[in-house]
């Protein structure tokens, strides 16, 4: 029997799973379709265990938990039933509708997708509504969407073999009060990304938590006009990654116990180039010393364990009023793509230089105490065992006119243990020899970036 039949059956004998269509604001009116009276009802245990049980009370009525739900899905122990209920609700919901997911654990083995605009997918509670993709065999991601105005609200997605939630090419994307995690902790077999909006505009990620992604927990790629705030990322390779993106405002987040706390990258491979003007401020970025467990060959696999903030080839970004502590390799490093040692000349449109960034008024402590990866190689060449909290690779594009200083990477007003924060120029162009701790012309300022306002 299909899910529409199940929904109609709720009019006659309420079920433990299915979708509830709101009618005349009456949440007990669950559907309008034909009933298949021959289908056995799912076993819902005592009516409180939403995953199903052996002692079902067939008289338990399950109703939408909110009056504005267009469809309400209830959990069973059967992954196929869960998929059909949720996927059909996402297919049937109208523009501007709300698909509600009641508390319970939903085993799922297939990717669920949404293509309708302005839809909210709402869980009953952030930790109580759980989509579990541990046994997934079909589809690349857990949840995917390609529609504008989508809101993911108050539920957990866990154990996806691919990305947890991917949104592609949408205008207006919100992740609110969401959790993404992998139950086994940091493992290479985990999905690459928690949140993955790519080629999107007007993205909001707030009050979320992501842990144990094998690439980036909170990722925004090739996008414009982005806010990431009041969220936490821990146990991932990269806690927060802003890649080939312009106008991201990342603030009031806690990124900790990842390999790298915050990455701001511009890479040669993606079709959208020239990410710039991202504002990273008022975050706590601490103890990001997790060994790198990324899939070999991924660029994030080059991030040394112990990285606070790493800026790669991205321009005109502002980093201020962050608290950056306990990152063993580096507090913040601003480097051009040449320092990564990776090829980039296959893309003639790619600008490998990191230029015009401003790092100011951050508070550092206990960073760079035990460098690893390429940072250790650089430290060894410089004959040091500890790295200053402010680092720049010294690579400049001599073909560009920098008379006005707009291309200079500036570091000002940063403190370490109450004193002025130390600085190091890696001098990559000379093979990391003749490194310098003289901040010189890099003690400068740029214009502050405006706060991002979503359209």
Protein backbone atom coordinates (compact mmCIF):
# COMPACT_ATOMS: atom_id res chain seq x y z
CA UNK A 1 0.00 0.00 0.00
CA UNK A 2 1.37 3.46 -0.85
CA UNK A 3 1.75 6.36 1.57
CA UNK A 4 -1.36 8.16 0.30
CA UNK A 5 -3.40 5.11 1.28
CA UNK A 6 -1.77 5.13 4.69
CA UNK A 7 -2.67 8.80 5.10
CA UNK A 8 -6.34 8.14 4.31
CA UNK A 9 -6.46 5.24 6.70
CA UNK A 10 -5.68 7.73 9.46
CA UNK A 11 -9.22 9.08 9.06
CA UNK A 12 -10.64 5.74 10.10
CA UNK A 13 -8.05 4.03 12.29
CA UNK A 14 -5.08 6.30 13.23
CA UNK A 15 -1.67 4.91 12.36
CA UNK A 16 1.80 5.21 13.83
CA UNK A 17 3.31 6.44 10.58
CA UNK A 18 2.38 8.52 7.66
CA UNK A 19 1.65 12.08 6.73
CA UNK A 20 -0.95 14.40 8.13
CA UNK A 21 -2.39 16.99 5.76
CA UNK A 22 -3.82 20.00 7.53
CA UNK A 23 -7.39 20.89 6.64
CA UNK A 24 -9.28 23.92 8.00
CA UNK A 25 -6.66 24.28 10.74
CA UNK A 26 -7.80 21.01 12.32
CA UNK A 27 -4.65 19.02 13.20
CA UNK A 28 -6.62 15.83 13.77
CA UNK A 29 -7.78 15.73 10.14
CA UNK A 30 -4.82 13.80 8.80
CA UNK A 31 -5.49 13.07 5.13
CA UNK A 32 -7.91 13.02 2.22
CA UNK A 33 -6.98 9.92 0.25
CA UNK A 34 -8.52 6.48 -0.09
CA UNK A 35 -7.95 3.97 2.70
CA UNK A 36 -6.57 0.49 2.14
CA UNK A 37 -8.20 -1.42 4.96
CA UNK A 38 -6.28 -4.60 4.26
CA UNK A 39 -2.88 -3.26 5.20
CA UNK A 40 -1.78 -4.19 8.75
CA UNK A 41 -1.03 -1.31 11.02
CA UNK A 42 2.59 -0.76 12.07
CA UNK A 43 3.54 -1.81 15.56
CA UNK A 44 4.09 1.29 17.68
CA UNK A 45 4.76 -0.29 21.07
CA UNK A 46 3.36 1.77 23.94
CA UNK A 47 2.73 4.78 21.74
CA UNK A 48 5.78 6.64 23.05
CA UNK A 49 8.51 4.73 21.21
CA UNK A 50 8.25 6.28 17.80
CA UNK A 51 10.56 3.70 16.26
CA UNK A 52 8.00 0.90 16.68
CA UNK A 53 7.75 -1.92 19.17
CA UNK A 54 6.33 -5.33 19.87
CA UNK A 55 3.48 -4.30 22.17
CA UNK A 56 1.51 -1.98 19.96
CA UNK A 57 -1.55 -0.19 21.23
CA UNK A 58 -3.60 0.06 18.05
CA UNK A 59 -5.83 2.71 19.60
CA UNK A 60 -3.01 5.25 20.04
CA UNK A 61 -3.77 8.38 18.01
CA UNK A 62 -0.76 10.15 16.56
CA UNK A 63 -1.44 13.71 15.61
CA UNK A 64 0.70 16.54 14.24
CA UNK A 65 2.71 18.25 16.96
CA UNK A 66 1.97 21.68 15.45
CA UNK A 67 -1.18 23.04 13.88
CA UNK A 68 0.59 24.49 10.84
CA UNK A 69 2.01 21.15 9.66
CA UNK A 70 0.88 20.30 6.13
CA UNK A 71 2.23 16.76 6.48
CA UNK A 72 3.41 14.93 9.57
CA UNK A 73 5.62 11.86 9.32
CA UNK A 74 5.92 9.32 12.15
CA UNK A 75 8.77 6.88 12.78
CA UNK A 76 8.77 3.12 12.38
CA UNK A 77 11.54 0.56 12.60
CA UNK A 78 11.24 -0.14 8.85
CA UNK A 79 13.57 1.93 6.68
CA UNK A 80 11.50 1.50 3.51
CA UNK A 81 8.34 2.69 5.23
CA UNK A 82 10.16 5.69 6.69
CA UNK A 83 11.58 6.62 3.29
CA UNK A 84 8.26 6.40 1.51
CA UNK A 85 6.47 8.45 4.14
CA UNK A 86 9.07 11.22 4.18
CA UNK A 87 9.82 11.26 0.46
CA UNK A 88 6.15 11.31 -0.54
CA UNK A 89 5.50 14.17 1.87
CA UNK A 90 8.34 16.11 0.24
CA UNK A 91 6.93 15.34 -3.20
CA UNK A 92 3.37 16.29 -2.28
CA UNK A 93 4.00 19.43 -0.25
CA UNK A 94 3.07 22.67 -1.99
CA UNK A 95 5.15 25.83 -2.36
CA UNK A 96 5.33 27.43 1.09
CA UNK A 97 4.32 24.26 2.93
CA UNK A 98 5.63 22.59 6.07
CA UNK A 99 6.64 18.94 6.38
CA UNK A 100 6.83 17.94 10.03
CA UNK A 101 8.77 14.97 11.37
CA UNK A 102 7.66 13.67 14.75
CA UNK A 103 10.13 12.65 17.42
CA UNK A 104 11.63 9.20 16.94
CA UNK A 105 14.52 7.52 15.18
CA UNK A 106 14.00 6.94 11.46
CA UNK A 107 16.25 4.29 9.93
CA UNK A 108 16.77 5.27 6.28
CA UNK A 109 18.65 3.55 3.47
CA UNK A 110 17.93 6.02 0.66
CA UNK A 111 18.60 9.69 0.05
CA UNK A 112 15.53 11.88 0.44
CA UNK A 113 15.18 14.95 -1.77
CA UNK A 114 13.23 18.18 -2.07
CA UNK A 115 12.59 20.23 -5.22
CA UNK A 116 9.67 22.43 -4.10
CA UNK A 117 10.33 26.06 -3.16
CA UNK A 118 9.82 27.72 0.23
CA UNK A 119 9.36 24.50 2.18
CA UNK A 120 10.19 24.03 5.84
CA UNK A 121 11.29 20.58 6.98
CA UNK A 122 10.66 20.72 10.72
CA UNK A 123 11.49 18.20 13.40
CA UNK A 124 9.57 18.02 16.64
CA UNK A 125 12.78 18.52 18.60
CA UNK A 126 16.43 18.93 17.73
CA UNK A 127 17.72 15.82 19.50
CA UNK A 128 14.48 13.83 19.54
CA UNK A 129 13.86 13.71 15.79
CA UNK A 130 16.66 11.62 14.27
CA UNK A 131 17.18 10.59 10.64
CA UNK A 132 19.68 7.73 10.81
CA UNK A 133 21.38 6.75 7.56
CA UNK A 134 23.63 4.05 9.05
CA UNK A 135 22.46 1.47 6.51
CA UNK A 136 22.21 3.76 3.49
CA UNK A 137 22.70 1.97 0.17
CA UNK A 138 21.12 4.38 -2.35
CA UNK A 139 21.90 8.01 -3.07
CA UNK A 140 24.98 10.12 -2.55
CA UNK A 141 23.72 12.20 0.39
CA UNK A 142 21.33 11.95 3.30
CA UNK A 143 19.05 14.85 2.39
CA UNK A 144 19.35 16.93 -0.77
CA UNK A 145 17.52 20.01 -2.02
CA UNK A 146 17.64 22.18 -5.13
CA UNK A 147 14.83 24.58 -4.29
CA UNK A 148 14.81 28.18 -3.13
CA UNK A 149 13.68 29.17 0.33
CA UNK A 150 14.26 25.83 2.03
CA UNK A 151 14.39 25.74 5.84
CA UNK A 152 15.82 22.80 7.77
CA UNK A 153 14.64 23.19 11.34
CA UNK A 154 15.17 21.27 14.59
CA UNK A 155 16.20 17.70 13.81
CA UNK A 156 19.26 15.47 13.69
CA UNK A 157 20.86 13.78 10.71
CA UNK A 158 23.47 11.15 11.48
CA UNK A 159 25.71 8.49 9.98
CA UNK A 160 25.44 9.42 6.31
CA UNK A 161 28.08 7.81 4.07
CA UNK A 162 28.01 10.99 1.96
CA UNK A 163 27.12 14.57 2.83
CA UNK A 164 24.46 14.91 5.52
CA UNK A 165 22.48 17.77 3.92
CA UNK A 166 23.39 19.16 0.51
CA UNK A 167 21.67 22.15 -1.11
CA UNK A 168 22.64 23.09 -4.66
CA UNK A 169 21.95 26.28 -6.59
CA UNK A 170 19.33 27.73 -4.25
CA UNK A 171 18.51 31.26 -3.16
CA UNK A 172 17.49 31.42 0.48
CA UNK A 173 18.75 28.45 2.50
CA UNK A 174 18.42 28.15 6.27
CA UNK A 175 19.79 25.56 8.68
CA UNK A 176 18.39 26.30 12.16
CA UNK A 177 18.74 24.31 15.39
CA UNK A 178 20.11 21.33 13.48
CA UNK A 179 22.49 18.55 14.53
CA UNK A 180 24.68 16.46 12.24
CA UNK A 181 26.96 13.77 13.61
CA UNK A 182 28.50 10.34 13.07
CA UNK A 183 28.12 7.90 15.95
CA UNK A 184 31.57 6.33 15.68
CA UNK A 185 33.50 9.55 16.20
CA UNK A 186 36.23 10.72 13.80
CA UNK A 187 36.65 8.14 11.02
CA UNK A 188 37.68 8.37 7.39
CA UNK A 189 34.57 6.40 6.41
CA UNK A 190 32.30 9.19 7.67
CA UNK A 191 30.55 11.44 5.20
CA UNK A 192 32.59 14.37 3.96
CA UNK A 193 30.34 17.28 4.94
CA UNK A 194 27.67 18.08 7.49
CA UNK A 195 25.99 21.08 5.87
CA UNK A 196 26.90 21.57 2.22
CA UNK A 197 25.23 24.55 0.53
CA UNK A 198 27.00 25.06 -2.79
CA UNK A 199 26.42 27.68 -5.49
CA UNK A 200 23.78 29.26 -3.27
CA UNK A 201 22.81 32.77 -2.25
CA UNK A 202 21.50 34.10 1.04
CA UNK A 203 22.50 31.22 3.29
CA UNK A 204 21.86 31.25 7.04
CA UNK A 205 23.31 28.66 9.42
CA UNK A 206 22.43 29.32 13.06
CA UNK A 207 22.29 27.48 16.38
CA UNK A 208 23.58 24.27 14.82
CA UNK A 209 26.05 21.57 15.83
CA UNK A 210 28.15 19.38 13.53
CA UNK A 211 30.66 16.75 14.59
CA UNK A 212 32.96 14.15 13.00
CA UNK A 213 32.67 15.05 9.30
CA UNK A 214 35.65 13.67 7.36
CA UNK A 215 36.06 16.95 5.46
CA UNK A 216 34.19 19.98 6.83
CA UNK A 217 31.43 20.12 9.40
CA UNK A 218 29.94 23.47 8.40
CA UNK A 219 30.82 24.15 4.78
CA UNK A 220 29.74 26.90 2.39
CA UNK A 221 31.08 26.73 -1.17
CA UNK A 222 30.89 28.94 -4.26
CA UNK A 223 28.16 30.99 -2.62
CA UNK A 224 27.32 34.63 -1.89
CA UNK A 225 25.76 36.44 1.03
CA UNK A 226 26.16 34.01 3.92
CA UNK A 227 25.77 34.11 7.70
CA UNK A 228 27.12 31.39 10.00
CA UNK A 229 26.45 32.19 13.64
CA UNK A 230 25.88 30.81 17.13
CA UNK A 231 26.92 27.30 16.10
CA UNK A 232 29.46 24.71 17.17
CA UNK A 233 31.73 22.42 15.20
CA UNK A 234 33.90 19.81 16.86
CA UNK A 235 35.69 16.60 15.95
CA UNK A 236 35.69 17.33 12.21
CA UNK A 237 38.68 17.68 9.93
CA UNK A 238 37.64 21.29 9.27
CA UNK A 239 35.23 22.82 11.73
CA UNK A 240 34.00 25.65 9.49
CA UNK A 241 35.08 26.04 5.86
CA UNK A 242 34.29 29.00 3.63
CA UNK A 243 35.41 28.08 0.10
CA UNK A 244 35.31 30.18 -3.09
CA UNK A 245 32.65 32.25 -1.38
CA UNK A 246 32.03 35.99 -1.17
CA UNK A 247 30.37 37.91 1.63
CA UNK A 248 30.24 35.35 4.42
CA UNK A 249 29.79 36.69 7.95
CA UNK A 250 30.95 34.06 10.47
CA UNK A 251 30.51 35.02 14.11
CA UNK A 252 29.72 33.84 17.65
CA UNK A 253 30.66 30.26 16.81
CA UNK A 254 32.66 27.73 18.80
CA UNK A 255 35.03 25.61 16.71
CA UNK A 256 37.04 23.18 18.77
CA UNK A 257 38.80 19.81 18.72
CA UNK A 258 38.84 19.67 14.93
CA UNK A 259 41.97 19.33 12.80
CA UNK A 260 41.50 22.95 11.71
CA UNK A 261 39.11 25.39 13.33
CA UNK A 262 38.23 27.73 10.46
CA UNK A 263 39.36 27.52 6.82
CA UNK A 264 38.89 30.31 4.28
CA UNK A 265 39.97 28.86 0.95
CA UNK A 266 39.95 29.83 -2.69
CA UNK A 267 40.70 26.77 -4.84
CA UNK A 268 41.46 26.40 -8.56
CA UNK A 269 39.06 23.55 -9.28
CA UNK A 270 35.53 24.95 -8.72
CA UNK A 271 33.78 26.77 -11.57
CA UNK A 272 33.11 29.86 -9.41
CA UNK A 273 36.36 31.69 -8.69
CA UNK A 274 37.46 34.72 -6.74
CA UNK A 275 36.04 34.26 -3.24
CA UNK A 276 36.62 37.34 -1.10
CA UNK A 277 35.36 39.76 1.53
CA UNK A 278 34.44 37.28 4.25
CA UNK A 279 34.22 38.48 7.84
CA UNK A 280 35.29 36.04 10.60
CA UNK A 281 34.82 37.56 14.06
CA UNK A 282 33.91 37.00 17.70
CA UNK A 283 34.42 33.25 17.49
CA UNK A 284 36.12 30.91 19.95
CA UNK A 285 38.59 28.74 18.06
CA UNK A 286 40.41 26.43 20.42
CA UNK A 287 42.24 23.13 20.81
CA UNK A 288 41.91 22.10 17.18
CA UNK A 289 44.47 19.30 17.39
CA UNK A 290 42.52 16.31 16.06
CA UNK A 291 44.67 14.13 13.74
CA UNK A 292 43.68 14.66 10.13
CA UNK A 293 41.39 11.81 9.01
CA UNK A 294 40.39 13.17 5.61
CA UNK A 295 40.28 10.97 2.54
CA UNK A 296 43.71 11.00 0.86
CA UNK A 297 43.88 13.41 -2.05
CA UNK A 298 41.44 15.94 -0.62
CA UNK A 299 42.89 19.43 -0.22
CA UNK A 300 41.66 19.50 3.37
CA UNK A 301 43.91 16.51 3.97
CA UNK A 302 46.85 18.93 3.85
CA UNK A 303 45.61 20.91 6.86
CA UNK A 304 48.00 20.25 9.75
CA UNK A 305 46.51 19.07 13.01
CA UNK A 306 46.62 22.02 15.37
CA UNK A 307 45.46 24.76 12.98
CA UNK A 308 43.35 27.59 14.35
CA UNK A 309 42.58 29.60 11.18
CA UNK A 310 44.05 28.91 7.74
CA UNK A 311 43.58 31.36 4.87
CA UNK A 312 44.50 29.95 1.46
CA UNK A 313 44.53 32.14 -1.67
CA UNK A 314 41.52 34.16 -0.56
CA UNK A 315 41.42 37.97 -0.69
CA UNK A 316 40.18 40.94 1.34
CA UNK A 317 38.89 38.95 4.29
CA UNK A 318 38.70 40.37 7.80
CA UNK A 319 39.47 38.40 10.98
CA UNK A 320 38.86 40.23 14.23
CA UNK A 321 37.96 39.84 17.89
CA UNK A 322 38.34 36.06 17.82
CA UNK A 323 39.69 34.10 20.78
CA UNK A 324 42.23 31.65 19.37
CA UNK A 325 43.95 29.30 21.79
CA UNK A 326 45.55 25.91 22.24
CA UNK A 327 46.10 25.16 18.52
CA UNK A 328 49.44 23.39 18.39
CA UNK A 329 50.49 24.18 14.81
CA UNK A 330 49.33 27.73 14.17
CA UNK A 331 47.07 30.44 15.51
CA UNK A 332 46.38 31.96 12.08
CA UNK A 333 48.31 31.45 8.86
CA UNK A 334 47.70 33.43 5.66
CA UNK A 335 49.23 31.66 2.68
CA UNK A 336 49.11 31.66 -1.10
CA UNK A 337 48.50 28.49 -3.07
CA UNK A 338 52.20 28.15 -3.89
CA UNK A 339 52.90 27.25 -0.26
CA UNK A 340 50.49 24.31 -0.44
CA UNK A 341 52.71 22.63 -3.03
CA UNK A 342 49.65 21.64 -5.08
CA UNK A 343 49.22 22.31 -8.84
CA UNK A 344 47.03 25.19 -9.91
CA UNK A 345 48.19 26.26 -13.37
CA UNK A 346 45.55 24.06 -15.02
CA UNK A 347 43.14 26.95 -14.40
CA UNK A 348 44.32 30.20 -16.03
CA UNK A 349 41.56 32.13 -14.25
CA UNK A 350 42.77 31.16 -10.80
CA UNK A 351 44.61 33.76 -8.73
CA UNK A 352 46.77 31.84 -6.25
CA UNK A 353 47.74 34.84 -4.11
CA UNK A 354 46.24 35.68 -0.72
CA UNK A 355 45.96 39.45 -0.76
CA UNK A 356 44.44 42.33 1.18
CA UNK A 357 43.47 40.34 4.26
CA UNK A 358 43.25 42.10 7.63
CA UNK A 359 43.85 40.22 10.89
CA UNK A 360 43.25 42.48 13.87
CA UNK A 361 42.30 42.68 17.53
CA UNK A 362 42.30 38.92 18.09
CA UNK A 363 43.31 37.35 21.39
CA UNK A 364 45.81 34.49 21.14
CA UNK A 365 47.22 32.07 23.71
CA UNK A 366 49.23 28.83 23.62
CA UNK A 367 49.28 28.40 19.85
CA UNK A 368 52.09 27.00 17.70
CA UNK A 369 53.61 24.99 20.54
CA UNK A 370 54.12 21.76 18.53
CA UNK A 371 53.80 22.35 14.76
CA UNK A 372 52.79 19.47 12.50
CA UNK A 373 52.50 18.78 8.78
CA UNK A 374 53.74 21.45 6.37
CA UNK A 375 53.91 23.94 9.25
CA UNK A 376 56.48 21.72 10.94
CA UNK A 377 58.51 21.60 7.73
CA UNK A 378 58.49 25.38 7.63
CA UNK A 379 59.36 25.63 11.32
CA UNK A 380 62.24 23.18 10.85
CA UNK A 381 63.62 25.23 7.97
CA UNK A 382 63.43 28.30 10.19
CA UNK A 383 65.19 26.50 13.01
CA UNK A 384 62.33 26.96 15.46
CA UNK A 385 60.26 24.59 17.55
CA UNK A 386 57.42 27.02 18.33
CA UNK A 387 55.56 29.21 15.87
CA UNK A 388 54.35 32.74 16.47
CA UNK A 389 50.54 33.12 16.46
CA UNK A 390 50.54 35.32 13.33
CA UNK A 391 52.01 33.77 10.21
CA UNK A 392 52.25 34.83 6.57
CA UNK A 393 54.09 33.05 3.78
CA UNK A 394 55.52 36.25 2.27
CA UNK A 395 54.36 35.44 -1.27
CA UNK A 396 53.38 38.49 -3.35
CA UNK A 397 52.44 39.00 -6.98
CA UNK A 398 55.08 41.42 -8.22
CA UNK A 399 53.16 42.00 -11.47
CA UNK A 400 50.40 43.88 -9.60
CA UNK A 401 50.48 47.51 -8.57
CA UNK A 402 50.31 47.74 -4.78
CA UNK A 403 51.16 51.41 -4.46
CA UNK A 404 48.12 52.05 -2.29
CA UNK A 405 48.82 49.02 -0.09
CA UNK A 406 45.44 47.42 -0.80
CA UNK A 407 47.05 44.06 -1.57
CA UNK A 408 49.11 43.91 1.60
CA UNK A 409 48.09 41.39 4.24
CA UNK A 410 47.75 43.44 7.42
CA UNK A 411 48.13 42.36 11.05
CA UNK A 412 47.34 44.87 13.78
CA UNK A 413 46.22 45.08 17.39
CA UNK A 414 46.51 41.34 18.10
CA UNK A 415 47.58 40.19 21.55
CA UNK A 416 49.12 37.03 22.97
CA UNK A 417 49.10 36.64 26.74
CA UNK A 418 48.50 40.36 27.16
CA UNK A 419 51.44 41.38 24.97
CA UNK A 420 51.62 42.14 21.27
CA UNK A 421 51.24 38.93 19.28
CA UNK A 422 54.34 37.66 17.51
CA UNK A 423 54.59 37.50 13.72
CA UNK A 424 56.49 35.32 11.26
CA UNK A 425 57.09 35.65 7.53
CA UNK A 426 57.78 32.16 6.15
CA UNK A 427 59.54 33.53 3.04
CA UNK A 428 58.21 30.74 0.82
CA UNK A 429 59.77 32.24 -2.31
CA UNK A 430 63.22 31.38 -0.91
CA UNK A 431 62.26 27.92 0.22
CA UNK A 432 61.42 29.01 3.79
CA UNK A 433 64.95 30.17 4.44
CA UNK A 434 65.68 33.63 5.80
CA UNK A 435 62.39 33.75 7.66
CA UNK A 436 61.63 36.99 9.45
CA UNK A 437 59.79 38.02 12.60
CA UNK A 438 59.84 41.71 11.64
CA UNK A 439 56.23 42.65 10.93
CA UNK A 440 57.36 45.77 9.09
CA UNK A 441 54.93 46.92 6.40
CA UNK A 442 52.43 44.25 7.45
CA UNK A 443 51.59 46.28 10.56
CA UNK A 444 48.78 48.05 8.77
CA UNK A 445 45.02 48.36 8.48
CA UNK A 446 42.28 48.07 5.87
CA UNK A 447 38.71 49.29 5.81
CA UNK A 448 36.38 47.17 7.95
CA UNK A 449 33.93 44.99 6.06
CA UNK A 450 30.21 45.58 6.54
CA UNK A 451 27.97 43.05 8.26
CA UNK A 452 26.24 40.69 5.84
CA UNK A 453 22.53 41.31 5.36
CA UNK A 454 20.50 38.54 3.76
CA UNK A 455 18.08 39.45 0.99
